[in-house]
Amino acid sequence: MSLTMTIVMLISGWLAVAAAMLWGVLRITRRHHHHPVQPASAKKTDKAAARHATAH
């Protein structure tokens, strides 16, 4: 294998790993993003709200 092909494959491997890690981080941040509580959801009891807060 030529030196040029080795360098190109090394760089493309780094890019693939970086893209996979970025995708994983973005997936986790979207999954754990907490939306602000709407005033309409004030009907929940304190017990239900406490249970939701301790779920994570």
N, C-alpha and C. Protein backbone atom coordinates (compact mmCIF):
# COMPACT_ATOMS: atom_id res chain seq x y z
N MET A 1 0.86 -1.17 0.00
CA MET A 1 0.00 0.00 0.00
C MET A 1 0.90 1.24 0.00
N SER A 2 0.53 2.21 -0.82
CA SER A 2 1.37 3.40 -0.94
C SER A 2 1.20 4.30 0.29
N LEU A 3 2.14 5.19 0.48
CA LEU A 3 2.12 6.12 1.60
C LEU A 3 0.91 7.05 1.52
N THR A 4 0.58 7.49 0.32
CA THR A 4 -0.58 8.39 0.14
C THR A 4 -1.87 7.69 0.56
N MET A 5 -2.03 6.45 0.15
CA MET A 5 -3.24 5.71 0.49
C MET A 5 -3.32 5.46 2.00
N THR A 6 -2.19 5.21 2.63
CA THR A 6 -2.17 5.01 4.08
C THR A 6 -2.60 6.27 4.82
N ILE A 7 -2.10 7.41 4.40
CA ILE A 7 -2.46 8.69 5.04
C ILE A 7 -3.93 9.00 4.82
N VAL A 8 -4.43 8.77 3.61
CA VAL A 8 -5.85 9.03 3.33
C VAL A 8 -6.74 8.12 4.17
N MET A 9 -6.39 6.86 4.30
CA MET A 9 -7.19 5.95 5.11
C MET A 9 -7.12 6.31 6.59
N LEU A 10 -5.97 6.76 7.06
CA LEU A 10 -5.83 7.18 8.45
C LEU A 10 -6.71 8.39 8.75
N ILE A 11 -6.70 9.37 7.87
CA ILE A 11 -7.52 10.58 8.06
C ILE A 11 -9.01 10.23 7.97
N SER A 12 -9.39 9.39 7.02
CA SER A 12 -10.81 9.02 6.93
C SER A 12 -11.25 8.20 8.14
N GLY A 13 -10.38 7.41 8.71
CA GLY A 13 -10.70 6.69 9.93
C GLY A 13 -10.92 7.63 11.10
N TRP A 14 -10.05 8.64 11.22
CA TRP A 14 -10.23 9.64 12.28
C TRP A 14 -11.55 10.39 12.11
N LEU A 15 -11.87 10.74 10.88
CA LEU A 15 -13.13 11.46 10.63
C LEU A 15 -14.34 10.58 10.95
N ALA A 16 -14.26 9.31 10.64
CA ALA A 16 -15.37 8.41 10.95
C ALA A 16 -15.57 8.28 12.46
N VAL A 17 -14.49 8.16 13.20
CA VAL A 17 -14.58 8.06 14.66
C VAL A 17 -15.11 9.37 15.24
N ALA A 18 -14.63 10.50 14.74
CA ALA A 18 -15.09 11.80 15.24
C ALA A 18 -16.58 11.99 14.95
N ALA A 19 -17.03 11.60 13.78
CA ALA A 19 -18.45 11.72 13.43
C ALA A 19 -19.31 10.82 14.32
N ALA A 20 -18.83 9.62 14.60
CA ALA A 20 -19.58 8.71 15.47
C ALA A 20 -19.69 9.25 16.89
N MET A 21 -18.59 9.81 17.40
CA MET A 21 -18.63 10.37 18.74
C MET A 21 -19.53 11.60 18.80
N LEU A 22 -19.49 12.45 17.78
CA LEU A 22 -20.36 13.61 17.74
C LEU A 22 -21.81 13.19 17.67
N TRP A 23 -22.13 12.19 16.87
CA TRP A 23 -23.50 11.69 16.77
C TRP A 23 -23.97 11.16 18.13
N GLY A 24 -23.12 10.44 18.83
CA GLY A 24 -23.49 9.92 20.14
C GLY A 24 -23.73 11.01 21.16
N VAL A 25 -22.87 12.03 21.17
CA VAL A 25 -23.04 13.13 22.11
C VAL A 25 -24.32 13.89 21.81
N LEU A 26 -24.59 14.17 20.55
CA LEU A 26 -25.82 14.89 20.20
C LEU A 26 -27.05 14.06 20.53
N ARG A 27 -26.97 12.77 20.35
CA ARG A 27 -28.10 11.89 20.68
C ARG A 27 -28.39 11.91 22.17
N ILE A 28 -27.34 11.87 22.98
CA ILE A 28 -27.52 11.88 24.43
C ILE A 28 -28.06 13.23 24.89
N THR A 29 -27.54 14.33 24.35
CA THR A 29 -28.02 15.64 24.78
C THR A 29 -29.47 15.86 24.37
N ARG A 30 -29.87 15.38 23.21
CA ARG A 30 -31.28 15.51 22.82
C ARG A 30 -32.17 14.65 23.69
N ARG A 31 -31.68 13.49 24.08
CA ARG A 31 -32.49 12.57 24.89
C ARG A 31 -32.70 13.09 26.30
N HIS A 32 -31.69 13.75 26.88
CA HIS A 32 -31.76 14.21 28.26
C HIS A 32 -32.12 15.68 28.39
N HIS A 33 -32.57 16.28 27.32
CA HIS A 33 -32.95 17.69 27.37
C HIS A 33 -34.29 17.83 28.08
N HIS A 34 -34.35 18.69 29.10
CA HIS A 34 -35.58 18.89 29.85
C HIS A 34 -36.30 20.13 29.31
N HIS A 35 -37.54 19.95 28.91
CA HIS A 35 -38.33 21.05 28.40
C HIS A 35 -38.92 21.84 29.57
N PRO A 36 -39.11 23.14 29.41
CA PRO A 36 -39.72 23.92 30.49
C PRO A 36 -41.16 23.47 30.76
N VAL A 37 -41.55 23.53 32.00
CA VAL A 37 -42.88 23.07 32.41
C VAL A 37 -43.91 24.12 31.99
N GLN A 38 -44.97 23.67 31.36
CA GLN A 38 -46.04 24.55 30.92
C GLN A 38 -47.00 24.81 32.08
N PRO A 39 -47.62 26.00 32.16
CA PRO A 39 -48.58 26.28 33.23
C PRO A 39 -49.80 25.35 33.18
N ALA A 40 -50.15 24.82 32.01
CA ALA A 40 -51.30 23.94 31.88
C ALA A 40 -51.06 22.62 32.60
N SER A 41 -49.80 22.24 32.81
CA SER A 41 -49.51 20.97 33.46
C SER A 41 -49.46 21.13 34.98
N ALA A 42 -49.94 22.25 35.51
CA ALA A 42 -49.94 22.47 36.96
C ALA A 42 -50.94 21.58 37.67
N LYS A 43 -51.74 20.82 36.93
CA LYS A 43 -52.72 19.93 37.53
C LYS A 43 -52.09 18.71 38.18
N LYS A 44 -50.81 18.46 37.89
CA LYS A 44 -50.14 17.30 38.47
C LYS A 44 -50.01 17.47 39.97
N THR A 45 -50.05 16.38 40.67
CA THR A 45 -49.87 16.44 42.11
C THR A 45 -48.38 16.58 42.43
N ASP A 46 -48.09 16.95 43.65
CA ASP A 46 -46.69 17.10 44.06
C ASP A 46 -45.98 15.74 44.04
N LYS A 47 -46.73 14.68 44.34
CA LYS A 47 -46.12 13.35 44.33
C LYS A 47 -45.67 12.97 42.92
N ALA A 48 -46.49 13.26 41.91
CA ALA A 48 -46.14 12.94 40.53
C ALA A 48 -44.95 13.79 40.08
N ALA A 49 -44.92 15.06 40.49
CA ALA A 49 -43.82 15.93 40.09
C ALA A 49 -42.52 15.48 40.75
N ALA A 50 -42.60 15.06 42.02
CA ALA A 50 -41.39 14.59 42.70
C ALA A 50 -40.88 13.29 42.07
N ARG A 51 -41.80 12.43 41.67
CA ARG A 51 -41.41 11.17 41.05
C ARG A 51 -40.71 11.44 39.73
N HIS A 52 -41.21 12.41 38.97
CA HIS A 52 -40.59 12.73 37.68
C HIS A 52 -39.20 13.32 37.88
N ALA A 53 -39.04 14.15 38.89
CA ALA A 53 -37.75 14.81 39.10
C ALA A 53 -36.69 13.80 39.53
N THR A 54 -37.06 12.75 40.22
CA THR A 54 -36.07 11.79 40.68
C THR A 54 -35.87 10.64 39.70
N ALA A 55 -36.53 10.70 38.54
CA ALA A 55 -36.42 9.61 37.58
C ALA A 55 -35.03 9.55 36.96
N HIS A 56 -34.32 10.65 36.91
CA HIS A 56 -33.00 10.66 36.27
C HIS A 56 -31.97 10.66 37.32
